Protein backbone atom coordinates (compact mmCIF):
# COMPACT_ATOMS: atom_id res chain seq x y z
CA UNK A 1 21.53 -2.63 -22.68
CA UNK A 2 23.69 -5.58 -21.53
CA UNK A 3 25.17 -3.58 -18.71
CA UNK A 4 21.69 -2.57 -17.61
CA UNK A 5 20.40 -6.11 -17.75
CA UNK A 6 23.35 -7.52 -15.70
CA UNK A 7 23.09 -4.73 -13.17
CA UNK A 8 19.35 -5.25 -12.67
CA UNK A 9 19.98 -9.04 -12.26
CA UNK A 10 22.51 -8.23 -9.53
CA UNK A 11 20.12 -5.79 -7.82
CA UNK A 12 17.33 -8.47 -7.81
CA UNK A 13 19.78 -11.01 -6.36
CA UNK A 14 20.84 -8.48 -3.63
CA UNK A 15 17.22 -7.79 -2.84
CA UNK A 16 16.37 -11.46 -2.52
CA UNK A 17 19.46 -12.33 -0.34
CA UNK A 18 19.11 -9.26 1.90
CA UNK A 19 15.46 -9.88 2.46
CA UNK A 20 16.26 -13.42 3.75
CA UNK A 21 19.03 -12.10 5.88
CA UNK A 22 16.80 -9.43 7.39
CA UNK A 23 13.99 -11.91 8.18
CA UNK A 24 16.51 -14.43 9.59
CA UNK A 25 17.61 -11.67 12.08
CA UNK A 26 14.04 -10.48 12.92
CA UNK A 27 12.79 -14.02 13.36
CA UNK A 28 15.62 -14.93 15.74
CA UNK A 29 15.86 -11.56 17.71
CA UNK A 30 12.22 -10.49 18.18
CA UNK A 31 9.65 -12.07 20.30
CA UNK A 32 7.34 -14.33 18.23
CA UNK A 33 4.30 -12.01 18.95
CA UNK A 34 6.22 -9.04 17.71
CA UNK A 35 7.56 -10.78 14.64
CA UNK A 36 3.90 -11.81 13.93
CA UNK A 37 2.92 -8.15 14.08
CA UNK A 38 5.67 -7.35 11.52
CA UNK A 39 4.63 -10.21 9.34
CA UNK A 40 0.98 -9.00 9.41
CA UNK A 41 1.86 -5.35 8.46
CA UNK A 42 4.20 -6.39 5.71
CA UNK A 43 1.56 -8.74 4.23
CA UNK A 44 -0.95 -5.94 4.03
CA UNK A 45 1.63 -3.53 2.78
CA UNK A 46 2.71 -5.95 0.10
CA UNK A 47 -0.79 -5.89 -1.32
CA UNK A 48 -0.86 -2.12 -1.34
CA UNK A 49 2.52 -1.95 -3.01
CA UNK A 50 0.97 -3.75 -5.91
CA UNK A 51 -0.81 -0.55 -6.70
CA UNK A 52 1.78 2.08 -5.78
CA UNK A 53 4.92 0.28 -7.03
CA UNK A 54 3.87 -1.43 -10.26
CA UNK A 55 2.00 1.35 -12.17
CA UNK A 56 4.00 4.54 -12.08
CA UNK A 57 7.35 3.02 -12.84
CA UNK A 58 6.35 1.02 -15.93
CA UNK A 59 4.04 3.88 -17.15
CA UNK A 60 6.90 6.46 -16.91
CA UNK A 61 9.47 4.09 -18.50
CA UNK A 62 7.04 3.41 -21.40
CA UNK A 63 5.90 7.09 -22.03
CA UNK A 64 9.33 8.63 -21.68
CA UNK A 65 10.98 6.16 -24.01
CA UNK A 66 8.40 6.71 -26.79
CA UNK A 67 9.15 10.42 -27.04
CA UNK A 68 5.55 11.18 -27.97
CA UNK A 69 4.91 13.69 -25.13
CA UNK A 70 6.98 16.24 -23.25
CA UNK A 71 8.94 14.21 -20.67
CA UNK A 72 8.58 16.90 -17.99
CA UNK A 73 4.82 16.99 -18.45
CA UNK A 74 4.70 13.19 -18.33
CA UNK A 75 6.59 13.21 -15.13
CA UNK A 76 4.52 15.91 -13.49
CA UNK A 77 1.21 14.35 -14.21
CA UNK A 78 2.43 10.90 -13.31
CA UNK A 79 3.60 12.35 -9.93
CA UNK A 80 0.25 13.99 -9.55
CA UNK A 81 -1.81 10.86 -10.02
CA UNK A 82 0.66 8.79 -8.05
CA UNK A 83 0.13 11.32 -5.16
CA UNK A 84 -3.57 10.71 -5.39
CA UNK A 85 -3.03 6.91 -5.16
CA UNK A 86 -0.59 7.02 -2.25
CA UNK A 87 -2.77 9.58 -0.28
CA UNK A 88 -5.79 7.13 -0.60
CA UNK A 89 -3.71 4.28 0.71
CA UNK A 90 -2.31 6.39 3.55
CA UNK A 91 -5.84 7.35 4.51
CA UNK A 92 -6.78 3.61 4.35
CA UNK A 93 -3.92 2.74 6.78
CA UNK A 94 -4.25 5.71 9.10
CA UNK A 95 -8.01 6.00 9.44
CA UNK A 96 -8.65 2.25 8.96
CA UNK A 97 -6.05 1.26 11.54
CA UNK A 98 -8.71 0.62 14.31
CA UNK A 99 -10.43 -1.71 11.88
CA UNK A 100 -7.21 -3.47 11.00
CA UNK A 101 -6.64 -4.05 14.79
CA UNK A 102 -10.08 -5.43 15.19
CA UNK A 103 -10.00 -7.78 12.27
CA UNK A 104 -6.50 -9.25 13.32
CA UNK A 105 -7.47 -9.29 17.00
CA UNK A 106 -4.52 -7.21 18.21
CA UNK A 107 -5.03 -3.71 19.63
CA UNK A 108 -1.34 -2.90 19.18
CA UNK A 109 -1.67 -2.93 15.43
CA UNK A 110 -3.66 0.28 15.41
CA UNK A 111 -0.55 2.46 16.10
CA UNK A 112 1.73 0.38 13.81
CA UNK A 113 -0.71 0.64 10.88
CA UNK A 114 -0.80 4.45 11.26
CA UNK A 115 2.96 4.59 11.02
CA UNK A 116 2.81 2.13 8.15
CA UNK A 117 0.93 4.72 6.17
CA UNK A 118 4.05 6.78 5.87
CA UNK A 119 5.74 3.70 4.21
CA UNK A 120 3.25 3.65 1.41
CA UNK A 121 3.81 7.42 0.66
CA UNK A 122 7.62 7.19 0.49
CA UNK A 123 7.57 4.00 -1.48
CA UNK A 124 5.10 5.33 -3.90
CA UNK A 125 7.33 8.34 -4.53
CA UNK A 126 10.51 6.32 -4.70
CA UNK A 127 9.35 4.35 -7.69
CA UNK A 128 9.06 7.63 -9.59
CA UNK A 129 12.72 7.93 -9.63
CA UNK A 130 13.12 4.38 -10.92
CA UNK A 131 10.58 5.01 -13.66
CA UNK A 132 12.40 8.21 -14.87
CA UNK A 133 15.69 6.38 -15.16
CA UNK A 134 14.22 3.45 -16.86
CA UNK A 135 12.56 5.80 -19.38
CA UNK A 136 15.85 7.54 -19.96
CA UNK A 137 17.48 4.11 -20.23
CA UNK A 138 19.83 4.76 -17.44
CA UNK A 139 19.52 1.15 -16.19
CA UNK A 140 22.77 1.49 -14.25
CA UNK A 141 21.27 4.13 -11.98
CA UNK A 142 18.02 2.22 -11.59
CA UNK A 143 19.96 -0.85 -10.71
CA UNK A 144 22.09 1.12 -8.21
CA UNK A 145 19.02 2.54 -6.43
CA UNK A 146 17.37 -0.93 -6.41
CA UNK A 147 20.57 -2.34 -4.95
CA UNK A 148 21.06 0.45 -2.44
CA UNK A 149 17.54 0.16 -0.99
CA UNK A 150 17.63 -3.50 0.37
CA UNK A 151 21.09 -2.90 1.76
CA UNK A 152 19.85 0.23 3.55
CA UNK A 153 16.97 -1.77 4.91
CA UNK A 154 19.53 -3.80 6.80
CA UNK A 155 19.97 -0.61 8.88
CA UNK A 156 16.87 -1.96 10.82
CA UNK A 157 19.23 -4.37 12.64
CA UNK A 158 21.29 -1.73 14.54
CA UNK A 159 18.14 0.34 15.08
CA UNK A 160 16.48 -2.63 16.92
CA UNK A 161 19.68 -3.49 18.77
CA UNK A 162 20.59 0.00 19.98
CA UNK A 163 17.60 2.30 19.69
CA UNK A 164 14.25 0.39 19.72
CA UNK A 165 14.97 -2.44 22.08
CA UNK A 166 11.67 -1.94 23.86
CA UNK A 167 9.68 -1.62 20.69
CA UNK A 168 11.29 -3.62 17.80
CA UNK A 169 8.24 -3.42 15.64
CA UNK A 170 8.49 0.46 15.53
CA UNK A 171 12.22 -0.06 14.91
CA UNK A 172 11.43 -2.09 11.81
CA UNK A 173 9.04 0.63 10.42
CA UNK A 174 11.32 3.53 11.19
CA UNK A 175 14.24 1.63 9.56
CA UNK A 176 12.30 0.91 6.47
CA UNK A 177 11.21 4.63 6.19
CA UNK A 178 14.78 5.80 6.66
CA UNK A 179 15.90 3.33 4.04
CA UNK A 180 13.50 4.61 1.49
CA UNK A 181 14.22 8.29 2.24
CA UNK A 182 18.03 7.69 1.86
CA UNK A 183 17.50 5.89 -1.39
CA UNK A 184 15.20 8.80 -2.66
CA UNK A 185 17.94 11.32 -1.64
CA UNK A 186 20.53 9.37 -3.55
CA UNK A 187 18.19 9.13 -6.58
CA UNK A 188 17.44 12.84 -6.60
CA UNK A 189 21.18 13.70 -6.43
CA UNK A 190 21.92 11.46 -9.39
CA UNK A 191 18.89 12.71 -11.31
CA UNK A 192 19.97 16.37 -10.76
CA UNK A 193 23.46 15.51 -11.86
CA UNK A 194 22.23 13.78 -15.06
CA UNK A 195 19.13 15.71 -16.00
CA UNK A 196 20.34 16.72 -19.46
CA UNK A 197 17.98 14.46 -21.29
CA UNK A 198 15.00 16.17 -19.71
CA UNK A 199 15.99 19.54 -21.11
CA UNK A 200 14.79 18.36 -24.63
CA UNK A 201 11.21 19.59 -24.30
CA UNK A 202 8.42 18.56 -26.67
CA UNK A 203 5.37 20.58 -27.56
CA UNK A 204 2.86 17.81 -27.09
CA UNK A 205 1.27 17.43 -23.61
CA UNK A 206 -0.03 14.10 -22.33
CA UNK A 207 -3.72 14.00 -21.24
CA UNK A 208 -4.15 13.34 -17.57
CA UNK A 209 -6.67 10.66 -18.34
CA UNK A 210 -4.15 8.69 -20.40
CA UNK A 211 -1.72 8.87 -17.46
CA UNK A 212 -4.26 7.40 -15.19
CA UNK A 213 -5.41 4.71 -17.54
CA UNK A 214 -1.89 3.64 -18.35
CA UNK A 215 -0.86 3.45 -14.69
CA UNK A 216 -3.94 1.55 -13.59
CA UNK A 217 -3.50 -0.84 -16.41
CA UNK A 218 -0.07 -1.77 -15.31
CA UNK A 219 -1.17 -1.96 -11.64
CA UNK A 220 -4.10 -4.31 -12.39
CA UNK A 221 -1.84 -6.64 -14.49
CA UNK A 222 0.76 -6.95 -11.74
CA UNK A 223 -2.09 -7.53 -9.15
CA UNK A 224 -3.04 -10.52 -11.22
CA UNK A 225 0.52 -11.74 -11.37
CA UNK A 226 0.97 -11.33 -7.58
CA UNK A 227 -2.28 -13.15 -6.87
CA UNK A 228 -1.49 -16.06 -9.16
CA UNK A 229 1.93 -16.39 -7.56
CA UNK A 230 0.74 -16.16 -3.98
CA UNK A 231 -2.92 -17.28 -3.89
CA UNK A 232 -1.97 -20.92 -3.96
CA UNK A 233 0.08 -20.66 -0.72
CA UNK A 234 -2.81 -18.91 1.06
CA UNK A 235 -5.32 -21.63 -0.18
CA UNK A 236 -3.02 -24.40 0.95
CA UNK A 237 -2.87 -22.94 4.42
CA UNK A 238 -6.73 -22.57 4.56
CA UNK A 239 -7.81 -25.78 3.00
CA UNK A 240 -5.07 -28.53 2.96
CA UNK A 241 -4.75 -30.79 5.96
CA UNK A 242 -2.67 -31.71 7.89
CA UNK A 243 -1.51 -28.12 8.70
CA UNK A 244 2.17 -29.04 8.28
CA UNK A 245 1.62 -29.26 4.50
CA UNK A 246 1.35 -25.44 4.43
CA UNK A 247 4.93 -25.32 5.82
CA UNK A 248 6.23 -27.79 3.36
CA UNK A 249 4.57 -25.88 0.44
CA UNK A 250 5.93 -22.56 1.68
CA UNK A 251 9.42 -24.11 1.72
CA UNK A 252 8.94 -25.25 -1.89
CA UNK A 253 7.67 -21.87 -2.91
CA UNK A 254 10.65 -20.05 -1.53
CA UNK A 255 12.88 -21.85 -4.13
CA UNK A 256 10.27 -21.80 -6.82
CA UNK A 257 10.24 -18.00 -7.00
CA UNK A 258 13.92 -17.57 -7.63
CA UNK A 259 13.57 -17.50 -11.51
CA UNK A 260 10.65 -15.17 -11.36
CA UNK A 261 12.63 -12.62 -9.56
CA UNK A 262 15.56 -13.01 -11.91
CA UNK A 263 13.31 -12.51 -14.94
CA UNK A 264 12.09 -9.14 -13.57
CA UNK A 265 15.48 -7.70 -14.64
CA UNK A 266 14.54 -8.55 -18.31
CA UNK A 267 11.06 -7.00 -18.01
CA UNK A 268 12.60 -3.87 -16.59
CA UNK A 269 14.98 -3.44 -19.58
CA UNK A 270 12.71 -4.78 -22.36
CA UNK A 271 9.85 -2.28 -21.85
CA UNK A 272 11.74 1.03 -22.42
CA UNK A 273 14.09 -0.34 -24.97
CA UNK A 274 11.32 -1.65 -27.21
CA UNK A 275 9.08 1.35 -26.65
CA UNK A 276 11.83 3.71 -27.72
CA UNK A 277 12.61 1.71 -30.88
CA UNK A 278 8.93 1.46 -31.79
CA UNK A 279 8.36 5.12 -31.11
CA UNK A 280 11.29 5.89 -33.52
CA UNK A 281 9.63 3.72 -36.24
CA UNK A 282 12.31 0.96 -35.96
CA UNK A 283 10.03 -1.97 -35.76
CA UNK A 284 12.49 -4.44 -37.17
CA UNK A 285 15.19 -3.43 -34.80
CA UNK A 286 12.76 -3.68 -31.93
CA UNK A 287 11.83 -7.25 -33.05
CA UNK A 288 15.60 -8.14 -33.09
CA UNK A 289 16.08 -6.75 -29.54
CA UNK A 290 13.13 -8.77 -28.32
CA UNK A 291 14.48 -11.99 -29.92
CA UNK A 292 17.92 -11.39 -28.36
CA UNK A 293 16.60 -10.74 -24.84
CA UNK A 294 14.27 -13.82 -24.93
CA UNK A 295 17.13 -15.98 -26.10
CA UNK A 296 19.27 -14.76 -23.15
CA UNK A 297 16.38 -15.36 -20.71
CA UNK A 298 15.81 -18.90 -21.99
CA UNK A 299 19.46 -19.57 -22.22
CA UNK A 300 20.63 -18.41 -18.77
CA UNK A 301 17.51 -18.34 -16.56
CA UNK A 302 15.45 -21.36 -17.67
CA UNK A 303 18.34 -23.83 -16.66
CA UNK A 304 18.08 -22.59 -13.06
CA UNK A 305 14.37 -23.49 -13.05
CA UNK A 306 15.16 -26.76 -14.75
CA UNK A 307 17.93 -27.85 -12.30
CA UNK A 308 15.74 -26.95 -9.24
CA UNK A 309 12.75 -28.77 -10.67
CA UNK A 310 14.82 -31.88 -11.52
CA UNK A 311 16.56 -32.16 -8.14
CA UNK A 312 13.77 -30.78 -5.85
CA UNK A 313 13.78 -33.65 -3.44
CA UNK A 314 17.52 -33.35 -2.67
CA UNK A 315 17.28 -29.46 -2.46
CA UNK A 316 14.47 -29.43 0.04
CA UNK A 317 15.97 -32.22 2.22
CA UNK A 318 19.42 -30.58 2.25
CA UNK A 319 18.19 -27.04 2.97
CA UNK A 320 15.34 -27.83 5.43
CA UNK A 321 15.00 -31.36 6.63
CA UNK A 322 14.15 -34.86 5.22
CA UNK A 323 10.52 -34.50 5.84
CA UNK A 324 10.30 -31.51 3.50
CA UNK A 325 10.92 -33.91 0.54
CA UNK A 326 7.24 -34.56 0.60
CA UNK A 327 6.92 -31.27 -1.28
CA UNK A 328 9.40 -32.23 -3.96
CA UNK A 329 6.81 -32.90 -6.62
CA UNK A 330 5.29 -29.49 -5.82
CA UNK A 331 8.64 -27.72 -6.06
CA UNK A 332 9.34 -29.53 -9.42
CA UNK A 333 6.15 -27.85 -10.78
CA UNK A 334 6.50 -24.47 -8.97
CA UNK A 335 10.06 -23.90 -10.30
CA UNK A 336 8.67 -24.16 -13.84
CA UNK A 337 5.51 -22.29 -13.00
CA UNK A 338 7.34 -19.22 -11.78
CA UNK A 339 9.52 -19.21 -14.90
CA UNK A 340 6.33 -19.27 -17.02
CA UNK A 341 4.77 -16.37 -15.07
CA UNK A 342 8.06 -14.41 -15.38
CA UNK A 343 8.10 -14.93 -19.13
CA UNK A 344 4.38 -13.87 -19.27
CA UNK A 345 5.39 -10.55 -17.62
CA UNK A 346 8.16 -10.04 -20.16
CA UNK A 347 5.87 -10.66 -23.06
CA UNK A 348 3.10 -8.38 -21.76
CA UNK A 349 5.73 -5.63 -21.22
CA UNK A 350 6.55 -6.07 -24.91
CA UNK A 351 2.92 -5.80 -25.84
CA UNK A 352 2.50 -2.69 -23.77
CA UNK A 353 5.49 -1.15 -25.42
CA UNK A 354 3.70 -1.35 -28.76
CA UNK A 355 0.56 -0.06 -27.10
CA UNK A 356 -1.35 -3.34 -27.22
CA UNK A 357 -2.40 -3.21 -23.64
CA UNK A 358 -5.91 -4.59 -24.18
CA UNK A 359 -4.64 -8.10 -24.18
CA UNK A 360 -2.98 -7.61 -20.81
CA UNK A 361 -6.23 -6.35 -19.44
CA UNK A 362 -8.27 -9.22 -20.76
CA UNK A 363 -5.59 -11.72 -19.57
CA UNK A 364 -5.79 -10.33 -16.10
CA UNK A 365 -9.51 -10.47 -15.84
CA UNK A 366 -9.65 -13.98 -17.35
CA UNK A 367 -6.88 -15.25 -15.10
CA UNK A 368 -8.51 -13.98 -11.83
CA UNK A 369 -11.85 -15.62 -12.89
CA UNK A 370 -10.32 -19.07 -13.74
CA UNK A 371 -7.14 -19.49 -11.64
CA UNK A 372 -8.38 -18.90 -8.12
CA UNK A 373 -11.41 -21.39 -8.38
CA UNK A 374 -9.03 -23.88 -10.00
CA UNK A 375 -6.61 -23.58 -7.05
CA UNK A 376 -9.37 -24.04 -4.51
CA UNK A 377 -10.71 -27.10 -6.21
CA UNK A 378 -7.17 -28.56 -6.67
CA UNK A 379 -6.39 -28.04 -3.02
CA UNK A 380 -9.69 -29.39 -1.75
CA UNK A 381 -9.71 -32.58 -3.84
CA UNK A 382 -5.96 -33.11 -4.16
CA UNK A 383 -3.21 -31.70 -2.02
CA UNK A 384 -0.08 -29.69 -2.43
CA UNK A 385 1.09 -31.65 -5.49
CA UNK A 386 -2.22 -31.18 -7.15
CA UNK A 387 -2.29 -27.41 -6.56
CA UNK A 388 1.24 -27.16 -7.75
CA UNK A 389 0.23 -28.97 -11.00
CA UNK A 390 -2.67 -26.59 -11.36
CA UNK A 391 -0.21 -23.77 -11.00
CA UNK A 392 2.03 -24.90 -13.68
CA UNK A 393 -0.76 -25.62 -16.07
CA UNK A 394 -2.35 -22.18 -15.49
CA UNK A 395 0.93 -20.21 -15.83
CA UNK A 396 1.89 -22.35 -18.81
CA UNK A 397 -1.37 -21.42 -20.51
CA UNK A 398 -1.16 -17.68 -19.88
CA UNK A 399 2.52 -17.86 -21.16
CA UNK A 400 1.45 -19.59 -24.30
CA UNK A 401 -1.51 -17.25 -24.90
CA UNK A 402 0.93 -14.24 -24.45
CA UNK A 403 3.31 -15.83 -26.96
CA UNK A 404 0.47 -16.27 -29.50
CA UNK A 405 -0.61 -12.60 -29.04
CA UNK A 406 3.01 -11.38 -29.32
CA UNK A 407 3.52 -13.45 -32.56
CA UNK A 408 0.39 -11.97 -34.02
CA UNK A 409 1.19 -8.41 -32.87
CA UNK A 410 4.88 -8.23 -33.46
CA UNK A 411 6.18 -11.29 -35.25
CA UNK A 412 8.36 -14.37 -34.58
CA UNK A 413 9.94 -13.51 -31.19
CA UNK A 414 11.44 -16.97 -30.80
CA UNK A 415 14.25 -17.66 -33.15
CA UNK A 416 15.74 -21.06 -34.10
CA UNK A 417 18.46 -20.71 -31.39
CA UNK A 418 15.89 -20.13 -28.77
CA UNK A 419 14.09 -23.36 -29.68
CA UNK A 420 17.45 -25.15 -29.56
CA UNK A 421 17.96 -23.88 -26.08
CA UNK A 422 14.63 -25.10 -25.00
CA UNK A 423 15.42 -28.46 -26.36
CA UNK A 424 18.73 -28.57 -24.55
CA UNK A 425 16.84 -27.68 -21.27
CA UNK A 426 14.58 -30.62 -21.76
CA UNK A 427 17.58 -32.86 -22.10
CA UNK A 428 19.17 -31.14 -19.07
CA UNK A 429 16.05 -31.85 -16.90
CA UNK A 430 16.14 -35.57 -17.85
CA UNK A 431 19.86 -35.92 -17.25
CA UNK A 432 19.78 -34.04 -13.84
CA UNK A 433 16.69 -35.91 -12.61
CA UNK A 434 18.18 -39.32 -13.63
CA UNK A 435 21.49 -38.46 -11.86
CA UNK A 436 19.83 -37.27 -8.56
CA UNK A 437 17.59 -40.25 -8.67
CA UNK A 438 20.60 -42.56 -8.67
CA UNK A 439 22.69 -40.63 -6.08
CA UNK A 440 21.07 -38.74 -3.13
CA UNK A 441 22.86 -35.62 -1.92
CA UNK A 442 21.96 -34.36 1.64
CA UNK A 443 24.74 -31.97 2.23
CA UNK A 444 23.85 -28.41 1.23
CA UNK A 445 27.44 -27.28 0.47
CA UNK A 446 27.99 -30.36 -1.83
CA UNK A 447 24.70 -29.69 -3.50
CA UNK A 448 25.67 -26.10 -4.21
CA UNK A 449 28.97 -27.18 -5.67
CA UNK A 450 27.17 -29.69 -7.93
CA UNK A 451 24.69 -26.93 -9.10
CA UNK A 452 27.64 -24.70 -9.88
CA UNK A 453 29.33 -27.34 -11.88
CA UNK A 454 26.15 -28.31 -13.84
CA UNK A 455 25.49 -24.62 -14.66
CA UNK A 456 29.08 -24.08 -15.78
CA UNK A 457 29.15 -27.10 -17.99
CA UNK A 458 25.78 -26.05 -19.46
CA UNK A 459 27.08 -22.52 -20.28
CA UNK A 460 30.33 -23.94 -21.83
CA UNK A 461 28.15 -26.09 -24.08
CA UNK A 462 26.03 -23.11 -25.07
CA UNK A 463 29.23 -21.15 -26.22
CA UNK A 464 30.89 -24.22 -27.80
CA UNK A 465 27.82 -24.85 -29.87
CA UNK A 466 27.71 -21.09 -30.75
CA UNK A 467 24.16 -20.94 -29.57
CA UNK A 468 25.30 -17.87 -27.61
CA UNK A 469 28.23 -15.83 -28.85
CA UNK A 470 30.48 -13.60 -26.78
CA UNK A 471 30.84 -11.27 -29.73
CA UNK A 472 27.04 -10.68 -29.85
CA UNK A 473 26.96 -10.12 -26.06
CA UNK A 474 29.58 -7.47 -26.47
CA UNK A 475 27.49 -5.90 -29.21
CA UNK A 476 24.53 -5.76 -26.90
CA UNK A 477 26.45 -3.65 -24.50
CA UNK A 478 26.43 -0.85 -26.96
CA UNK A 479 22.84 -1.30 -27.94
């Protein structure tokens, strides 16, 4: 389990870094109009990916881990329903391409949206492989595929340079499709070489309706998460004036999301691990695993959010420019807000692993009804700081509600050591904020060195105080 967690953390970091590297190349090598076309297509695809990427993987991981139904039957019916979903979105992109072109005022988009329909299909099928490996708890293979894919996407660069010089947008789409196909090929080879666990057939077959309900439940929950994390940026762009504020807020959000992406490694691991233990009737051991993973999340990920929040002004000024410091209060809130939302995802994956998904459904509906109007009002009557405050309050509330439900459904998931870690991080925020208030750091390299030293000292304190023990981490490797 520890190895899978570490590898998934690495894959998320690679995804994050390679994405920035790719967009740095595209933004500096493509004409602005062409880069704008790519941005428009990717924005639409990101919304469609909420459906095709965040239902099948989690559903497969949960159902296979529980050992209630025949795994081959689960996979077959999940693939069948996923095909229905991706065909619908392919049809939307292909036959709706003229409408997209009219709405965005660019006739060239019609052809590119038709090609983009193929991306939805291959991405929708790729997540099936990830879900199967997660369900079999082969987290190393899942992490390998998740690491291979963003690196393969960098193949877009030579395609644009050498093959699609006259049509770089098509080069981006072809490059992405080839990246997914190569990842799928690798995944199929690895699955074929390690398919022994699927030979243990079970007599019970899963109803197709349960597959559909399970997948759509996960999809709807992650749509809520994505909208809460991104809607504030769109609202700032539409409502807040002057227009420069949208750029400042976007700069703050780029750093705010770091901890959310890192926490996704925990949600990937915790769902199948807990589902398997609960399915085997080992409820107490499941609770222990949850407690251990939450301790690790708070111990090693929360300080990243805390340090970014406490030194937001220096970070924005050093990375962008001095005028971006106007968004420092917003980043202070957003860094914590994204951690809260990442923790909310982990807790709801825990609840789904014990088949308590109704809470997640209710939380999704309630959040969409409340959060978006709150963001609009905050942006209209305040500004970027007000909407960031609204964000951290809303995500903090959904996290607290998720903790309350988890306590009621499962038990005390936060142990004494976790509360101590939270207290230590409160003290860390005060010390870092005080230090950076006294001494300004405008050099990015020096700032990175300071961050490394602060984090290293913090980790040494954790081990010295025996809050986290190396022996227990080694035991987790065998879990």
